[in-house]
N, C-alpha and C. Protein backbone atom coordinates (compact mmCIF):
# COMPACT_ATOMS: atom_id res chain seq x y z
N MET A 1 183.77 24.19 119.67
CA MET A 1 183.39 24.11 117.60
C MET A 1 182.48 23.20 117.64
N PRO A 2 181.40 23.98 116.86
CA PRO A 2 180.26 22.74 116.61
C PRO A 2 180.65 21.96 115.70
N VAL A 3 180.18 21.00 115.64
CA VAL A 3 180.42 19.74 114.52
C VAL A 3 179.21 19.32 113.38
N SER A 4 179.61 19.28 112.19
CA SER A 4 178.85 18.99 111.24
C SER A 4 178.26 17.55 111.46
N TYR A 5 177.03 17.54 111.07
CA TYR A 5 175.74 16.30 110.96
C TYR A 5 175.22 16.56 109.80
N PHE A 6 174.52 15.29 109.43
CA PHE A 6 173.43 15.59 108.29
C PHE A 6 172.03 14.91 109.21
N ALA A 7 171.23 16.07 108.63
CA ALA A 7 170.12 15.97 109.42
C ALA A 7 169.08 14.47 108.88
N ASN A 8 168.21 14.27 109.71
CA ASN A 8 167.54 13.12 109.35
C ASN A 8 165.78 13.35 109.46
N GLY A 9 165.49 14.71 109.01
CA GLY A 9 164.34 15.39 109.27
C GLY A 9 164.26 17.04 109.34
N ASP A 10 163.49 17.58 109.42
CA ASP A 10 163.25 19.12 109.55
C ASP A 10 163.93 19.31 110.91
N ILE A 11 164.87 20.36 111.16
CA ILE A 11 165.36 20.65 112.08
C ILE A 11 165.39 22.01 112.25
N PHE A 12 164.87 22.95 112.96
CA PHE A 12 164.83 24.30 113.42
C PHE A 12 165.88 24.91 113.84
N PRO A 13 166.46 26.16 114.00
CA PRO A 13 167.65 26.71 114.71
C PRO A 13 167.32 26.66 116.07
N SER A 14 168.59 26.52 116.64
CA SER A 14 168.88 26.63 118.20
C SER A 14 167.99 25.71 118.92
N ARG A 15 167.82 24.25 118.60
CA ARG A 15 166.70 23.41 119.16
C ARG A 15 167.44 22.43 119.74
N PHE A 16 167.00 21.40 120.37
CA PHE A 16 167.74 20.51 121.14
C PHE A 16 167.96 19.27 119.90
N VAL A 17 168.81 18.52 119.53
CA VAL A 17 168.72 17.33 118.56
C VAL A 17 169.23 16.25 119.62
N LYS A 18 169.03 15.04 118.76
CA LYS A 18 169.39 13.90 119.42
C LYS A 18 169.88 12.92 118.10
N LEU A 19 170.98 12.15 118.16
CA LEU A 19 171.44 11.10 117.07
C LEU A 19 170.40 9.95 117.07
N ASP A 20 170.17 9.63 115.67
CA ASP A 20 169.40 8.68 115.33
C ASP A 20 170.03 7.31 115.42
N PRO A 21 169.93 6.23 116.13
CA PRO A 21 170.66 5.13 115.95
C PRO A 21 170.69 4.86 114.84
N ALA A 22 170.00 4.48 114.12
CA ALA A 22 170.01 3.76 112.65
C ALA A 22 171.03 4.30 111.72
N ASP A 23 171.16 5.54 111.60
CA ASP A 23 172.30 5.84 110.88
C ASP A 23 173.18 7.25 111.26
N GLY A 24 173.12 7.26 112.26
CA GLY A 24 174.49 8.26 113.01
C GLY A 24 173.81 9.91 112.42
N LYS A 25 172.75 10.45 112.05
CA LYS A 25 172.26 11.72 111.44
C LYS A 25 171.41 12.26 112.81
N VAL A 26 171.41 13.25 112.82
CA VAL A 26 170.72 14.03 113.83
C VAL A 26 169.04 14.51 113.53
N VAL A 27 168.43 13.94 114.45
CA VAL A 27 166.84 14.48 114.37
C VAL A 27 166.40 15.50 115.52
N GLN A 28 165.37 16.28 115.25
CA GLN A 28 165.17 17.29 116.11
C GLN A 28 164.34 16.86 117.52
N CYS A 29 164.87 16.65 118.77
CA CYS A 29 164.22 16.17 119.65
C CYS A 29 162.57 16.43 119.73
N LEU A 30 161.97 15.80 120.45
CA LEU A 30 160.83 15.43 121.05
C LEU A 30 160.44 15.58 122.50
N ALA A 31 159.58 15.56 123.23
CA ALA A 31 159.44 15.73 124.49
C ALA A 31 160.26 14.12 125.00
N GLY A 32 160.59 14.12 125.96
CA GLY A 32 161.06 12.82 126.66
C GLY A 32 162.34 12.16 125.88
N ASP A 33 163.02 13.10 124.79
CA ASP A 33 164.16 12.75 124.48
C ASP A 33 165.20 13.30 125.03
N LEU A 34 166.51 12.08 125.22
CA LEU A 34 167.65 12.76 125.56
C LEU A 34 168.51 13.60 124.60
N PRO A 35 168.74 14.54 124.76
CA PRO A 35 169.55 15.63 123.81
C PRO A 35 170.61 15.22 123.62
N PHE A 36 171.35 15.17 122.36
CA PHE A 36 172.97 15.00 121.94
C PHE A 36 173.55 16.40 121.89
N GLY A 37 172.93 17.66 121.65
CA GLY A 37 173.40 18.76 121.22
C GLY A 37 172.36 19.95 121.24
N ILE A 38 172.65 21.08 120.39
CA ILE A 38 171.97 22.06 119.91
C ILE A 38 172.26 22.31 118.53
N SER A 39 171.10 22.67 118.02
CA SER A 39 171.43 23.17 116.38
C SER A 39 171.93 24.06 116.04
N GLN A 40 172.48 24.50 115.09
CA GLN A 40 172.96 25.88 114.86
C GLN A 40 172.01 26.91 114.93
N GLU A 41 172.25 28.17 114.88
CA GLU A 41 171.65 29.26 115.06
C GLU A 41 171.05 29.45 113.63
N GLY A 42 171.58 29.77 112.62
CA GLY A 42 171.24 30.31 111.50
C GLY A 42 170.40 29.18 110.84
N THR A 43 169.39 29.88 109.89
CA THR A 43 168.64 29.07 108.85
C THR A 43 169.77 28.55 107.85
N ARG A 44 168.82 27.51 106.85
CA ARG A 44 169.78 26.82 105.72
C ARG A 44 169.49 28.03 104.58
N ARG A 45 168.54 28.74 104.44
CA ARG A 45 168.79 29.50 103.30
C ARG A 45 168.10 30.77 103.99
N SER A 46 168.54 31.83 102.90
CA SER A 46 167.57 33.32 103.13
C SER A 46 166.33 33.17 103.47
N PRO A 47 165.53 33.75 104.34
CA PRO A 47 164.11 34.08 104.24
C PRO A 47 163.66 33.99 103.16
N TYR A 48 164.30 35.17 102.06
CA TYR A 48 163.53 35.54 100.85
C TYR A 48 163.34 34.53 100.19
N VAL A 49 164.23 33.38 100.10
CA VAL A 49 164.45 32.36 99.24
C VAL A 49 163.32 31.13 99.96
N ASP A 50 163.91 31.13 101.10
CA ASP A 50 163.02 29.66 101.96
C ASP A 50 162.31 30.45 103.06
N PRO A 51 161.16 30.64 102.89
CA PRO A 51 160.38 31.35 104.34
C PRO A 51 160.46 30.20 105.35
N SER A 52 160.75 29.08 105.45
CA SER A 52 160.30 27.82 106.42
C SER A 52 161.03 28.05 107.75
N GLY A 53 162.34 28.70 107.92
CA GLY A 53 163.18 29.04 108.78
C GLY A 53 163.79 27.73 109.30
N LYS A 54 163.81 26.91 108.49
CA LYS A 54 164.56 25.40 108.98
C LYS A 54 166.11 25.59 108.98
N ALA A 55 166.76 25.37 109.73
CA ALA A 55 168.18 25.02 110.17
C ALA A 55 168.60 23.92 109.12
N ALA A 56 167.97 22.95 108.68
CA ALA A 56 168.24 21.96 107.93
C ALA A 56 167.07 20.87 107.49
N ALA A 57 166.81 20.56 106.49
CA ALA A 57 166.18 19.48 105.96
C ALA A 57 166.66 18.02 106.03
N ALA A 58 166.14 17.09 105.75
CA ALA A 58 166.62 15.81 105.74
C ALA A 58 167.82 15.55 104.72
N GLY A 59 168.76 15.00 105.14
CA GLY A 59 169.96 14.83 104.06
C GLY A 59 170.98 16.12 103.90
N GLU A 60 170.74 17.34 104.73
CA GLU A 60 171.20 18.59 104.60
C GLU A 60 172.21 18.69 105.65
N PRO A 61 173.37 19.04 105.72
CA PRO A 61 174.25 19.41 106.74
C PRO A 61 173.96 20.36 107.67
N LEU A 62 174.13 20.15 108.94
CA LEU A 62 174.01 20.97 109.99
C LEU A 62 174.94 21.16 110.97
N LEU A 63 174.89 22.51 111.97
CA LEU A 63 176.14 22.11 112.70
C LEU A 63 175.49 21.93 114.16
N VAL A 64 176.05 21.05 115.02
CA VAL A 64 175.60 21.09 116.24
C VAL A 64 176.56 21.10 117.20
N TYR A 65 176.24 21.89 118.16
CA TYR A 65 176.96 22.07 119.86
C TYR A 65 176.81 20.96 120.17
N THR A 66 177.71 20.43 120.99
CA THR A 66 177.98 19.37 121.91
C THR A 66 178.75 19.80 123.16
N LEU A 67 178.76 18.49 123.77
CA LEU A 67 179.68 18.54 125.02
C LEU A 67 180.37 20.12 125.22
N GLY A 68 180.26 20.88 126.47
CA GLY A 68 181.14 21.92 126.98
C GLY A 68 181.16 22.86 126.20
N GLU A 69 179.94 22.92 124.98
CA GLU A 69 180.27 24.43 124.25
C GLU A 69 179.14 25.01 124.63
N ARG A 70 179.03 26.66 124.41
CA ARG A 70 177.86 27.57 124.44
C ARG A 70 176.95 27.58 123.34
N ALA A 71 175.96 27.60 123.67
CA ALA A 71 175.05 27.76 122.36
C ALA A 71 174.05 28.60 122.50
N LEU A 72 173.14 28.99 121.63
CA LEU A 72 171.96 29.60 121.56
C LEU A 72 170.67 28.62 121.87
N LEU A 73 169.82 28.55 122.62
CA LEU A 73 168.85 27.68 122.70
C LEU A 73 167.76 28.40 122.69
N GLN A 74 166.50 28.00 121.78
CA GLN A 74 165.01 28.71 122.05
C GLN A 74 164.52 27.76 122.99
N VAL A 75 163.91 28.91 123.67
CA VAL A 75 163.36 28.41 125.09
C VAL A 75 161.71 28.44 125.01
N ASN A 76 160.99 27.77 125.71
CA ASN A 76 159.48 27.99 125.80
C ASN A 76 158.90 28.02 127.04
N ALA A 77 159.77 28.71 127.88
CA ALA A 77 159.23 28.85 129.53
C ALA A 77 160.08 30.02 130.05
N THR A 78 160.01 30.37 131.36
CA THR A 78 160.59 31.34 131.86
C THR A 78 161.75 30.61 132.30
N ILE A 79 163.16 30.95 132.01
CA ILE A 79 164.31 30.47 132.82
C ILE A 79 165.11 31.03 133.71
N THR A 80 165.41 30.45 134.38
CA THR A 80 166.17 31.40 135.46
C THR A 80 167.79 30.87 135.41
N PRO A 81 168.83 31.26 135.83
CA PRO A 81 170.17 30.79 135.99
C PRO A 81 170.31 29.61 136.78
N GLN A 82 171.27 28.46 136.13
CA GLN A 82 171.48 27.30 136.75
C GLN A 82 170.38 26.38 136.90
N THR A 83 169.42 26.50 136.07
CA THR A 83 168.26 25.59 135.67
C THR A 83 168.13 24.57 134.65
N ARG A 84 168.04 23.67 135.13
CA ARG A 84 168.51 22.24 134.03
C ARG A 84 167.28 22.08 133.20
N LEU A 85 167.77 22.15 131.87
CA LEU A 85 166.89 22.37 130.59
C LEU A 85 166.28 20.86 130.39
N LYS A 86 165.02 20.42 129.88
CA LYS A 86 164.87 19.11 128.95
C LYS A 86 164.06 19.71 127.41
N ALA A 87 163.92 18.95 126.48
CA ALA A 87 163.14 19.25 125.32
C ALA A 87 161.69 19.34 125.50
N ASP A 88 161.02 19.96 125.15
CA ASP A 88 159.63 20.16 124.78
C ASP A 88 159.09 19.21 123.48
N ALA A 89 157.82 19.53 123.22
CA ALA A 89 157.63 18.68 121.59
C ALA A 89 158.11 18.88 120.47
N ASN A 90 158.49 20.38 120.75
CA ASN A 90 159.23 21.12 119.36
C ASN A 90 160.83 21.13 119.50
N GLY A 91 161.32 20.61 120.46
CA GLY A 91 162.85 20.52 120.45
C GLY A 91 163.34 21.85 121.34
N MET A 92 162.43 22.75 121.85
CA MET A 92 162.90 24.06 122.75
C MET A 92 162.80 23.60 124.16
N GLY A 93 163.88 24.16 124.88
CA GLY A 93 164.11 24.27 126.18
C GLY A 93 163.14 24.51 127.15
N ILE A 94 162.87 23.87 128.24
CA ILE A 94 161.97 23.70 129.35
C ILE A 94 162.32 23.44 130.40
N PRO A 95 162.12 24.16 131.34
CA PRO A 95 162.81 23.53 132.71
C PRO A 95 162.26 22.24 133.02
N VAL A 96 163.17 21.42 133.75
CA VAL A 96 163.20 19.92 134.15
C VAL A 96 161.88 20.06 135.35
N VAL A 97 161.93 21.08 136.19
CA VAL A 97 160.81 20.87 137.25
C VAL A 97 160.15 22.34 136.73
N SER A 98 159.00 22.19 137.09
CA SER A 98 158.08 23.44 136.62
C SER A 98 158.02 24.50 135.53
N PRO A 99 157.51 24.17 134.27
CA PRO A 99 157.75 25.09 133.52
C PRO A 99 156.84 26.36 133.43
N SER A 100 157.42 27.48 133.33
CA SER A 100 156.84 28.52 134.10
C SER A 100 156.31 29.50 132.76
N VAL A 101 160.02 33.58 128.86
CA VAL A 101 159.18 33.97 128.06
C VAL A 101 159.45 33.23 126.94
N ALA A 102 158.10 32.69 126.15
CA ALA A 102 158.37 31.75 125.34
C ALA A 102 158.85 32.38 124.02
N GLY A 103 159.78 31.53 123.21
CA GLY A 103 160.18 31.99 121.78
C GLY A 103 161.62 32.94 122.13
N LYS A 104 161.91 32.90 123.17
CA LYS A 104 162.97 33.41 123.46
C LYS A 104 164.62 32.58 123.17
N LEU A 105 165.68 33.37 123.00
CA LEU A 105 166.90 32.83 122.71
C LEU A 105 167.92 33.03 124.10
N ILE A 106 168.30 31.86 124.64
CA ILE A 106 169.50 32.17 125.65
C ILE A 106 170.55 31.33 125.46
N GLU A 107 171.59 31.73 126.06
CA GLU A 107 172.77 30.88 125.95
C GLU A 107 172.93 29.92 126.98
N VAL A 108 173.25 28.63 126.71
CA VAL A 108 173.31 27.59 127.47
C VAL A 108 174.76 26.71 127.41
N LEU A 109 174.98 26.02 128.37
CA LEU A 109 176.16 25.20 128.28
C LEU A 109 175.86 23.98 127.97
N VAL A 110 176.28 23.32 126.85
CA VAL A 110 175.80 21.87 126.29
C VAL A 110 176.54 20.88 127.17
N ASP A 111 175.69 20.18 127.96
CA ASP A 111 176.16 19.15 129.02
C ASP A 111 175.05 18.02 128.86
N PRO A 112 174.97 17.15 127.66
CA PRO A 112 173.98 16.15 127.44
C PRO A 112 174.20 15.04 128.62
N GLY A 113 175.38 14.89 129.33
CA GLY A 113 175.51 13.89 130.41
C GLY A 113 174.68 14.19 131.48
N THR A 114 174.09 15.31 131.63
CA THR A 114 173.32 15.40 132.75
C THR A 114 171.78 15.96 132.38
N MET A 115 171.47 15.63 131.13
CA MET A 115 170.19 16.26 130.66
C MET A 115 169.25 14.93 130.81
N PRO A 116 168.32 15.38 131.51
CA PRO A 116 167.34 14.30 131.98
C PRO A 116 166.33 14.12 130.47
N GLY A 117 166.03 12.87 130.52
CA GLY A 117 165.18 12.57 129.18
C GLY A 117 163.61 12.73 129.52
N THR A 118 162.98 13.24 130.69
CA THR A 118 161.95 13.21 131.04
C THR A 118 161.98 14.47 132.01
């Protein structure tokens, strides 16, 4: 079951997130960050009201999938089963080795203990 956190910046759906050590809120990962989990699939508001497509903005609640949970992750490369992933500059998943269909959602098992930061 995903856990609710507060966002410490703009976070998009189905992206890698990390904990902000300053206040325990979550931020969207950048390249090289060690992910803590994956953000919720849905946006914060209807696209008719807010076309930004964000899952959360600073100070808003956000569901985060963590260790042992299955979640959807937006990827920015072709992924094959059993591929270890890391975050790109926009928090999307890319293979740890040899990035090679962008913008797709795939189901992943969250295991931050084995996710390399680089």
